[in-house]
Amino acid sequence: MPKYDRQANGYRVFVGGVDPRVGKVDIEQEFERFGPIADVWVARNPPGFAFIVFKYAEDADRAVRRMDGSRPFGSRLRVEHAVNNKTANR
């Protein structure tokens, strides 16, 4: 279930299993078919994951359902709704 992230101004999705050669543009192009994207951040140190911020909850949910377990870049992706650790433990 997507939760609105005020700081990101949208609905954040975690993407794990990202090949280190995959960049921000690659992620945007693969995920924009689900709806408008507000932001993409790709980890570089350590590599292997990214966060995508969708403007709408239904788009984030659709991306999670359709992309989890997919292999658009060769390796299997783990795609799930992001959890804000600062508020998750309260």
PDB file of N, CA and C in Angstrom:
ATOM      1  N   MET A   1       0.843  -1.180   0.000  1.00  0.00           N
ATOM      2  CA  MET A   1       0.000   0.000   0.000  1.00  0.00           C
ATOM      3  C   MET A   1       0.890   1.245   0.000  1.00  0.00           C
ATOM      4  N   PRO A   2       0.773   2.082  -0.998  1.00  0.00           N
ATOM      5  CA  PRO A   2       1.618   3.274  -1.049  1.00  0.00           C
ATOM      6  C   PRO A   2       1.216   4.294   0.014  1.00  0.00           C
ATOM      7  N   LYS A   3       2.232   4.955   0.575  1.00  0.00           N
ATOM      8  CA  LYS A   3       1.990   6.022   1.541  1.00  0.00           C
ATOM      9  C   LYS A   3       2.621   7.294   1.001  1.00  0.00           C
ATOM     10  N   TYR A   4       1.908   8.394   1.171  1.00  0.00           N
ATOM     11  CA  TYR A   4       2.408   9.677   0.679  1.00  0.00           C
ATOM     12  C   TYR A   4       3.632  10.094   1.480  1.00  0.00           C
ATOM     13  N   ASP A   5       4.665  10.504   0.792  1.00  0.00           N
ATOM     14  CA  ASP A   5       5.896  10.981   1.409  1.00  0.00           C
ATOM     15  C   ASP A   5       5.950  12.492   1.200  1.00  0.00           C
ATOM     16  N   ARG A   6       5.697  13.243   2.265  1.00  0.00           N
ATOM     17  CA  ARG A   6       5.656  14.708   2.153  1.00  0.00           C
ATOM     18  C   ARG A   6       6.983  15.290   1.692  1.00  0.00           C
ATOM     19  N   GLN A   7       8.065  14.749   2.223  1.00  0.00           N
ATOM     20  CA  GLN A   7       9.387  15.256   1.872  1.00  0.00           C
ATOM     21  C   GLN A   7       9.678  15.057   0.383  1.00  0.00           C
ATOM     22  N   ALA A   8       9.276  13.915  -0.157  1.00  0.00           N
ATOM     23  CA  ALA A   8       9.518  13.618  -1.573  1.00  0.00           C
ATOM     24  C   ALA A   8       8.425  14.186  -2.472  1.00  0.00           C
ATOM     25  N   ASN A   9       7.314  14.593  -1.860  1.00  0.00           N
ATOM     26  CA  ASN A   9       6.173  15.142  -2.598  1.00  0.00           C
ATOM     27  C   ASN A   9       5.594  14.126  -3.587  1.00  0.00           C
ATOM     28  N   GLY A  10       5.422  12.894  -3.089  1.00  0.00           N
ATOM     29  CA  GLY A  10       4.864  11.838  -3.926  1.00  0.00           C
ATOM     30  C   GLY A  10       4.904  10.497  -3.218  1.00  0.00           C
ATOM     31  N   TYR A  11       4.865   9.435  -3.983  1.00  0.00           N
ATOM     32  CA  TYR A  11       4.804   8.067  -3.466  1.00  0.00           C
ATOM     33  C   TYR A  11       6.076   7.329  -3.872  1.00  0.00           C
ATOM     34  N   ARG A  12       6.917   7.018  -2.872  1.00  0.00           N
ATOM     35  CA  ARG A  12       8.229   6.426  -3.153  1.00  0.00           C
ATOM     36  C   ARG A  12       8.162   4.918  -3.309  1.00  0.00           C
ATOM     37  N   VAL A  13       8.920   4.442  -4.283  1.00  0.00           N
ATOM     38  CA  VAL A  13       9.032   3.018  -4.573  1.00  0.00           C
ATOM     39  C   VAL A  13      10.513   2.646  -4.505  1.00  0.00           C
ATOM     40  N   PHE A  14      10.813   1.569  -3.787  1.00  0.00           N
ATOM     41  CA  PHE A  14      12.178   1.041  -3.700  1.00  0.00           C
ATOM     42  C   PHE A  14      12.393   0.042  -4.823  1.00  0.00           C
ATOM     43  N   VAL A  15      13.543   0.125  -5.479  1.00  0.00           N
ATOM     44  CA  VAL A  15      13.911  -0.829  -6.525  1.00  0.00           C
ATOM     45  C   VAL A  15      15.270  -1.415  -6.157  1.00  0.00           C
ATOM     46  N   GLY A  16      15.295  -2.699  -5.837  1.00  0.00           N
ATOM     47  CA  GLY A  16      16.537  -3.384  -5.495  1.00  0.00           C
ATOM     48  C   GLY A  16      16.969  -4.302  -6.619  1.00  0.00           C
ATOM     49  N   GLY A  17      18.244  -4.707  -6.574  1.00  0.00           N
ATOM     50  CA  GLY A  17      18.768  -5.594  -7.606  1.00  0.00           C
ATOM     51  C   GLY A  17      19.138  -4.873  -8.885  1.00  0.00           C
ATOM     52  N   VAL A  18      19.382  -3.578  -8.790  1.00  0.00           N
ATOM     53  CA  VAL A  18      19.707  -2.767  -9.969  1.00  0.00           C
ATOM     54  C   VAL A  18      21.181  -2.973 -10.333  1.00  0.00           C
ATOM     55  N   ASP A  19      21.423  -3.348 -11.560  1.00  0.00           N
ATOM     56  CA  ASP A  19      22.787  -3.523 -12.064  1.00  0.00           C
ATOM     57  C   ASP A  19      23.527  -2.188 -11.958  1.00  0.00           C
ATOM     58  N   PRO A  20      24.793  -2.182 -11.519  1.00  0.00           N
ATOM     59  CA  PRO A  20      25.544  -0.925 -11.369  1.00  0.00           C
ATOM     60  C   PRO A  20      25.682  -0.112 -12.658  1.00  0.00           C
ATOM     61  N   ARG A  21      25.524  -0.740 -13.805  1.00  0.00           N
ATOM     62  CA  ARG A  21      25.625  -0.017 -15.080  1.00  0.00           C
ATOM     63  C   ARG A  21      24.335   0.716 -15.445  1.00  0.00           C
ATOM     64  N   VAL A  22      23.260   0.460 -14.709  1.00  0.00           N
ATOM     65  CA  VAL A  22      21.962   1.090 -14.984  1.00  0.00           C
ATOM     66  C   VAL A  22      21.944   2.487 -14.370  1.00  0.00           C
ATOM     67  N   GLY A  23      21.533   3.472 -15.153  1.00  0.00           N
ATOM     68  CA  GLY A  23      21.509   4.851 -14.688  1.00  0.00           C
ATOM     69  C   GLY A  23      20.100   5.394 -14.495  1.00  0.00           C
ATOM     70  N   LYS A  24      20.049   6.637 -14.085  1.00  0.00           N
ATOM     71  CA  LYS A  24      18.783   7.322 -13.819  1.00  0.00           C
ATOM     72  C   LYS A  24      17.868   7.326 -15.044  1.00  0.00           C
ATOM     73  N   VAL A  25      18.414   7.621 -16.205  1.00  0.00           N
ATOM     74  CA  VAL A  25      17.607   7.681 -17.430  1.00  0.00           C
ATOM     75  C   VAL A  25      17.023   6.305 -17.755  1.00  0.00           C
ATOM     76  N   ASP A  26      17.812   5.252 -17.558  1.00  0.00           N
ATOM     77  CA  ASP A  26      17.322   3.887 -17.802  1.00  0.00           C
ATOM     78  C   ASP A  26      16.117   3.577 -16.912  1.00  0.00           C
ATOM     79  N   ILE A  27      16.239   3.923 -15.636  1.00  0.00           N
ATOM     80  CA  ILE A  27      15.146   3.684 -14.679  1.00  0.00           C
ATOM     81  C   ILE A  27      13.915   4.490 -15.096  1.00  0.00           C
ATOM     82  N   GLU A  28      14.111   5.765 -15.396  1.00  0.00           N
ATOM     83  CA  GLU A  28      12.987   6.621 -15.808  1.00  0.00           C
ATOM     84  C   GLU A  28      12.270   6.046 -17.023  1.00  0.00           C
ATOM     85  N   GLN A  29      13.038   5.642 -18.014  1.00  0.00           N
ATOM     86  CA  GLN A  29      12.434   5.121 -19.244  1.00  0.00           C
ATOM     87  C   GLN A  29      11.658   3.831 -18.992  1.00  0.00           C
ATOM     88  N   GLU A  30      12.132   3.002 -18.100  1.00  0.00           N
ATOM     89  CA  GLU A  30      11.463   1.729 -17.823  1.00  0.00           C
ATOM     90  C   GLU A  30      10.192   1.917 -16.998  1.00  0.00           C
ATOM     91  N   PHE A  31      10.192   2.894 -16.086  1.00  0.00           N
ATOM     92  CA  PHE A  31       9.078   3.047 -15.152  1.00  0.00           C
ATOM     93  C   PHE A  31       8.074   4.133 -15.528  1.00  0.00           C
ATOM     94  N   GLU A  32       8.396   5.027 -16.451  1.00  0.00           N
ATOM     95  CA  GLU A  32       7.481   6.133 -16.773  1.00  0.00           C
ATOM     96  C   GLU A  32       6.180   5.655 -17.414  1.00  0.00           C
ATOM     97  N   ARG A  33       6.164   4.438 -17.920  1.00  0.00           N
ATOM     98  CA  ARG A  33       4.929   3.909 -18.521  1.00  0.00           C
ATOM     99  C   ARG A  33       3.825   3.706 -17.483  1.00  0.00           C
ATOM    100  N   PHE A  34       4.185   3.705 -16.197  1.00  0.00           N
ATOM    101  CA  PHE A  34       3.187   3.524 -15.147  1.00  0.00           C
ATOM    102  C   PHE A  34       2.558   4.837 -14.703  1.00  0.00           C
ATOM    103  N   GLY A  35       3.170   5.958 -15.056  1.00  0.00           N
ATOM    104  CA  GLY A  35       2.614   7.252 -14.693  1.00  0.00           C
ATOM    105  C   GLY A  35       3.702   8.286 -14.477  1.00  0.00           C
ATOM    106  N   PRO A  36       3.300   9.533 -14.203  1.00  0.00           N
ATOM    107  CA  PRO A  36       4.259  10.620 -14.029  1.00  0.00           C
ATOM    108  C   PRO A  36       5.211  10.366 -12.856  1.00  0.00           C
ATOM    109  N   ILE A  37       6.485  10.590 -13.120  1.00  0.00           N
ATOM    110  CA  ILE A  37       7.527  10.412 -12.110  1.00  0.00           C
ATOM    111  C   ILE A  37       8.004  11.787 -11.667  1.00  0.00           C
ATOM    112  N   ALA A  38       8.059  11.990 -10.346  1.00  0.00           N
ATOM    113  CA  ALA A  38       8.532  13.258  -9.798  1.00  0.00           C
ATOM    114  C   ALA A  38      10.050  13.264  -9.628  1.00  0.00           C
ATOM    115  N   ASP A  39      10.636  12.086  -9.333  1.00  0.00           N
ATOM    116  CA  ASP A  39      12.075  12.032  -9.091  1.00  0.00           C
ATOM    117  C   ASP A  39      12.572  10.593  -9.156  1.00  0.00           C
ATOM    118  N   VAL A  40      13.840  10.440  -9.502  1.00  0.00           N
ATOM    119  CA  VAL A  40      14.519   9.141  -9.479  1.00  0.00           C
ATOM    120  C   VAL A  40      15.884   9.359  -8.849  1.00  0.00           C
ATOM    121  N   TRP A  41      16.250   8.493  -7.911  1.00  0.00           N
ATOM    122  CA  TRP A  41      17.573   8.533  -7.297  1.00  0.00           C
ATOM    123  C   TRP A  41      18.167   7.139  -7.382  1.00  0.00           C
ATOM    124  N   VAL A  42      19.367   7.041  -7.954  1.00  0.00           N
ATOM    125  CA  VAL A  42      20.045   5.755  -8.113  1.00  0.00           C
ATOM    126  C   VAL A  42      21.284   5.754  -7.227  1.00  0.00           C
ATOM    127  N   ALA A  43      21.396   4.762  -6.351  1.00  0.00           N
ATOM    128  CA  ALA A  43      22.546   4.649  -5.450  1.00  0.00           C
ATOM    129  C   ALA A  43      23.804   4.314  -6.241  1.00  0.00           C
ATOM    130  N   ARG A  44      24.896   4.901  -5.858  1.00  0.00           N
ATOM    131  CA  ARG A  44      26.179   4.634  -6.507  1.00  0.00           C
ATOM    132  C   ARG A  44      27.198   4.029  -5.545  1.00  0.00           C
ATOM    133  N   ASN A  45      27.105   4.309  -4.257  1.00  0.00           N
ATOM    134  CA  ASN A  45      28.067   3.783  -3.298  1.00  0.00           C
ATOM    135  C   ASN A  45      27.369   3.469  -1.984  1.00  0.00           C
ATOM    136  N   PRO A  46      26.906   2.269  -1.773  1.00  0.00           N
ATOM    137  CA  PRO A  46      27.032   1.102  -2.640  1.00  0.00           C
ATOM    138  C   PRO A  46      25.967   1.118  -3.738  1.00  0.00           C
ATOM    139  N   PRO A  47      26.281   0.546  -4.876  1.00  0.00           N
ATOM    140  CA  PRO A  47      25.303   0.467  -5.969  1.00  0.00           C
ATOM    141  C   PRO A  47      24.304  -0.657  -5.734  1.00  0.00           C
ATOM    142  N   GLY A  48      23.286  -0.711  -6.582  1.00  0.00           N
ATOM    143  CA  GLY A  48      22.378  -1.849  -6.530  1.00  0.00           C
ATOM    144  C   GLY A  48      20.940  -1.534  -6.190  1.00  0.00           C
ATOM    145  N   PHE A  49      20.628  -0.271  -5.914  1.00  0.00           N
ATOM    146  CA  PHE A  49      19.237   0.057  -5.617  1.00  0.00           C
ATOM    147  C   PHE A  49      18.918   1.477  -6.056  1.00  0.00           C
ATOM    148  N   ALA A  50      17.622   1.765  -6.094  1.00  0.00           N
ATOM    149  CA  ALA A  50      17.155   3.090  -6.509  1.00  0.00           C
ATOM    150  C   ALA A  50      15.825   3.387  -5.828  1.00  0.00           C
ATOM    151  N   PHE A  51      15.448   4.653  -5.822  1.00  0.00           N
ATOM    152  CA  PHE A  51      14.136   5.077  -5.364  1.00  0.00           C
ATOM    153  C   PHE A  51      13.490   5.885  -6.481  1.00  0.00           C
ATOM    154  N   ILE A  52      12.217   5.619  -6.702  1.00  0.00           N
ATOM    155  CA  ILE A  52      11.434   6.350  -7.693  1.00  0.00           C
ATOM    156  C   ILE A  52      10.279   7.006  -6.952  1.00  0.00           C
ATOM    157  N   VAL A  53      10.018   8.270  -7.235  1.00  0.00           N
ATOM    158  CA  VAL A  53       8.880   8.970  -6.638  1.00  0.00           C
ATOM    159  C   VAL A  53       7.837   9.180  -7.729  1.00  0.00           C
ATOM    160  N   PHE A  54       6.687   8.550  -7.530  1.00  0.00           N
ATOM    161  CA  PHE A  54       5.561   8.732  -8.446  1.00  0.00           C
ATOM    162  C   PHE A  54       4.644   9.823  -7.899  1.00  0.00           C
ATOM    163  N   LYS A  55       4.023  10.577  -8.777  1.00  0.00           N
ATOM    164  CA  LYS A  55       3.104  11.635  -8.353  1.00  0.00           C
ATOM    165  C   LYS A  55       1.804  11.074  -7.781  1.00  0.00           C
ATOM    166  N   TYR A  56       1.391   9.893  -8.260  1.00  0.00           N
ATOM    167  CA  TYR A  56       0.093   9.341  -7.861  1.00  0.00           C
ATOM    168  C   TYR A  56       0.234   7.940  -7.273  1.00  0.00           C
ATOM    169  N   ALA A  57      -0.544   7.675  -6.229  1.00  0.00           N
ATOM    170  CA  ALA A  57      -0.486   6.396  -5.519  1.00  0.00           C
ATOM    171  C   ALA A  57      -0.785   5.213  -6.424  1.00  0.00           C
ATOM    172  N   GLU A  58      -1.783   5.346  -7.288  1.00  0.00           N
ATOM    173  CA  GLU A  58      -2.156   4.209  -8.144  1.00  0.00           C
ATOM    174  C   GLU A  58      -1.044   3.857  -9.130  1.00  0.00           C
ATOM    175  N   ASP A  59      -0.264   4.842  -9.543  1.00  0.00           N
ATOM    176  CA  ASP A  59       0.859   4.578 -10.447  1.00  0.00           C
ATOM    177  C   ASP A  59       1.979   3.843  -9.719  1.00  0.00           C
ATOM    178  N   ALA A  60       2.260   4.261  -8.489  1.00  0.00           N
ATOM    179  CA  ALA A  60       3.276   3.577  -7.681  1.00  0.00           C
ATOM    180  C   ALA A  60       2.857   2.136  -7.430  1.00  0.00           C
ATOM    181  N   ASP A  61       1.598   1.935  -7.108  1.00  0.00           N
ATOM    182  CA  ASP A  61       1.091   0.592  -6.839  1.00  0.00           C
ATOM    183  C   ASP A  61       1.178  -0.296  -8.085  1.00  0.00           C
ATOM    184  N   ARG A  62       0.821   0.238  -9.212  1.00  0.00           N
ATOM    185  CA  ARG A  62       0.881  -0.522 -10.470  1.00  0.00           C
ATOM    186  C   ARG A  62       2.330  -0.898 -10.806  1.00  0.00           C
ATOM    187  N   ALA A  63       3.264   0.020 -10.596  1.00  0.00           N
ATOM    188  CA  ALA A  63       4.679  -0.261 -10.861  1.00  0.00           C
ATOM    189  C   ALA A  63       5.187  -1.385  -9.964  1.00  0.00           C
ATOM    190  N   VAL A  64       4.809  -1.363  -8.696  1.00  0.00           N
ATOM    191  CA  VAL A  64       5.229  -2.419  -7.770  1.00  0.00           C
ATOM    192  C   VAL A  64       4.668  -3.764  -8.222  1.00  0.00           C
ATOM    193  N   ARG A  65       3.391  -3.803  -8.523  1.00  0.00           N
ATOM    194  CA  ARG A  65       2.760  -5.072  -8.911  1.00  0.00           C
ATOM    195  C   ARG A  65       3.333  -5.644 -10.207  1.00  0.00           C
ATOM    196  N   ARG A  66       3.605  -4.793 -11.158  1.00  0.00           N
ATOM    197  CA  ARG A  66       4.049  -5.287 -12.474  1.00  0.00           C
ATOM    198  C   ARG A  66       5.559  -5.488 -12.597  1.00  0.00           C
ATOM    199  N   MET A  67       6.334  -4.733 -11.833  1.00  0.00           N
ATOM    200  CA  MET A  67       7.789  -4.793 -12.019  1.00  0.00           C
ATOM    201  C   MET A  67       8.513  -5.684 -11.012  1.00  0.00           C
ATOM    202  N   ASP A  68       7.889  -6.002  -9.884  1.00  0.00           N
ATOM    203  CA  ASP A  68       8.555  -6.864  -8.909  1.00  0.00           C
ATOM    204  C   ASP A  68       8.833  -8.226  -9.543  1.00  0.00           C
ATOM    205  N   GLY A  69      10.086  -8.639  -9.519  1.00  0.00           N
ATOM    206  CA  GLY A  69      10.482  -9.916 -10.099  1.00  0.00           C
ATOM    207  C   GLY A  69      10.832  -9.855 -11.575  1.00  0.00           C
ATOM    208  N   SER A  70      10.648  -8.702 -12.195  1.00  0.00           N
ATOM    209  CA  SER A  70      10.957  -8.574 -13.628  1.00  0.00           C
ATOM    210  C   SER A  70      12.472  -8.440 -13.834  1.00  0.00           C
ATOM    211  N   ARG A  71      12.897  -8.592 -15.086  1.00  0.00           N
ATOM    212  CA  ARG A  71      14.323  -8.524 -15.437  1.00  0.00           C
ATOM    213  C   ARG A  71      14.567  -7.568 -16.611  1.00  0.00           C
ATOM    214  N   PRO A  72      14.169  -6.305 -16.505  1.00  0.00           N
ATOM    215  CA  PRO A  72      14.331  -5.400 -17.646  1.00  0.00           C
ATOM    216  C   PRO A  72      15.786  -5.051 -17.962  1.00  0.00           C
ATOM    217  N   PHE A  73      16.663  -5.182 -16.976  1.00  0.00           N
ATOM    218  CA  PHE A  73      18.074  -4.831 -17.169  1.00  0.00           C
ATOM    219  C   PHE A  73      18.988  -6.046 -17.021  1.00  0.00           C
ATOM    220  N   GLY A  74      18.405  -7.232 -17.050  1.00  0.00           N
ATOM    221  CA  GLY A  74      19.194  -8.456 -16.932  1.00  0.00           C
ATOM    222  C   GLY A  74      19.078  -9.127 -15.584  1.00  0.00           C
ATOM    223  N   SER A  75      19.188  -8.365 -14.501  1.00  0.00           N
ATOM    224  CA  SER A  75      19.067  -8.962 -13.170  1.00  0.00           C
ATOM    225  C   SER A  75      17.636  -8.802 -12.654  1.00  0.00           C
ATOM    226  N   ARG A  76      17.236  -9.712 -11.772  1.00  0.00           N
ATOM    227  CA  ARG A  76      15.871  -9.705 -11.223  1.00  0.00           C
ATOM    228  C   ARG A  76      15.707  -8.531 -10.259  1.00  0.00           C
ATOM    229  N   LEU A  77      14.678  -7.721 -10.486  1.00  0.00           N
ATOM    230  CA  LEU A  77      14.414  -6.568  -9.630  1.00  0.00           C
ATOM    231  C   LEU A  77      13.504  -6.935  -8.464  1.00  0.00           C
ATOM    232  N   ARG A  78      13.774  -6.313  -7.336  1.00  0.00           N
ATOM    233  CA  ARG A  78      12.851  -6.363  -6.202  1.00  0.00           C
ATOM    234  C   ARG A  78      12.242  -4.966  -6.116  1.00  0.00           C
ATOM    235  N   VAL A  79      10.942  -4.878  -6.329  1.00  0.00           N
ATOM    236  CA  VAL A  79      10.260  -3.582  -6.359  1.00  0.00           C
ATOM    237  C   VAL A  79       9.171  -3.599  -5.297  1.00  0.00           C
ATOM    238  N   GLU A  80       9.222  -2.620  -4.390  1.00  0.00           N
ATOM    239  CA  GLU A  80       8.229  -2.550  -3.308  1.00  0.00           C
ATOM    240  C   GLU A  80       8.026  -1.107  -2.877  1.00  0.00           C
ATOM    241  N   HIS A  81       6.942  -0.877  -2.173  1.00  0.00           N
ATOM    242  CA  HIS A  81       6.675   0.460  -1.658  1.00  0.00           C
ATOM    243  C   HIS A  81       7.727   0.783  -0.608  1.00  0.00           C
ATOM    244  N   ALA A  82       8.306   1.969  -0.698  1.00  0.00           N
ATOM    245  CA  ALA A  82       9.351   2.380   0.238  1.00  0.00           C
ATOM    246  C   ALA A  82       8.743   2.654   1.606  1.00  0.00           C
ATOM    247  N   VAL A  83       9.541   2.377   2.632  1.00  0.00           N
ATOM    248  CA  VAL A  83       9.137   2.636   4.010  1.00  0.00           C
ATOM    249  C   VAL A  83      10.077   3.686   4.567  1.00  0.00           C
ATOM    250  N   ASN A  84       9.517   4.718   5.156  1.00  0.00           N
ATOM    251  CA  ASN A  84      10.326   5.752   5.792  1.00  0.00           C
ATOM    252  C   ASN A  84      10.722   5.245   7.166  1.00  0.00           C
ATOM    253  N   ASN A  85      11.981   4.851   7.335  1.00  0.00           N
ATOM    254  CA  ASN A  85      12.444   4.278   8.598  1.00  0.00           C
ATOM    255  C   ASN A  85      12.343   5.240   9.766  1.00  0.00           C
ATOM    256  N   LYS A  86      12.383   6.533   9.520  1.00  0.00           N
ATOM    257  CA  LYS A  86      12.293   7.508  10.600  1.00  0.00           C
ATOM    258  C   LYS A  86      10.918   7.493  11.254  1.00  0.00           C
ATOM    259  N   THR A  87       9.881   7.206  10.473  1.00  0.00           N
ATOM    260  CA  THR A  87       8.530   7.203  11.040  1.00  0.00           C
ATOM    261  C   THR A  87       7.990   5.794  11.238  1.00  0.00           C
ATOM    262  N   ALA A  88       8.624   4.789  10.648  1.00  0.00           N
ATOM    263  CA  ALA A  88       8.118   3.419  10.739  1.00  0.00           C
ATOM    264  C   ALA A  88       8.226   2.857  12.145  1.00  0.00           C
ATOM    265  N   ASN A  89       9.194   3.335  12.935  1.00  0.00           N
ATOM    266  CA  ASN A  89       9.410   2.795  14.271  1.00  0.00           C
ATOM    267  C   ASN A  89       8.662   3.554  15.351  1.00  0.00           C
ATOM    268  N   ARG A  90       7.875   4.516  14.988  1.00  0.00           N
ATOM    269  CA  ARG A  90       7.146   5.311  15.997  1.00  0.00           C
ATOM    270  C   ARG A  90       5.835   4.682  16.340  1.00  0.00           C
TER     271      ARG A  90
END
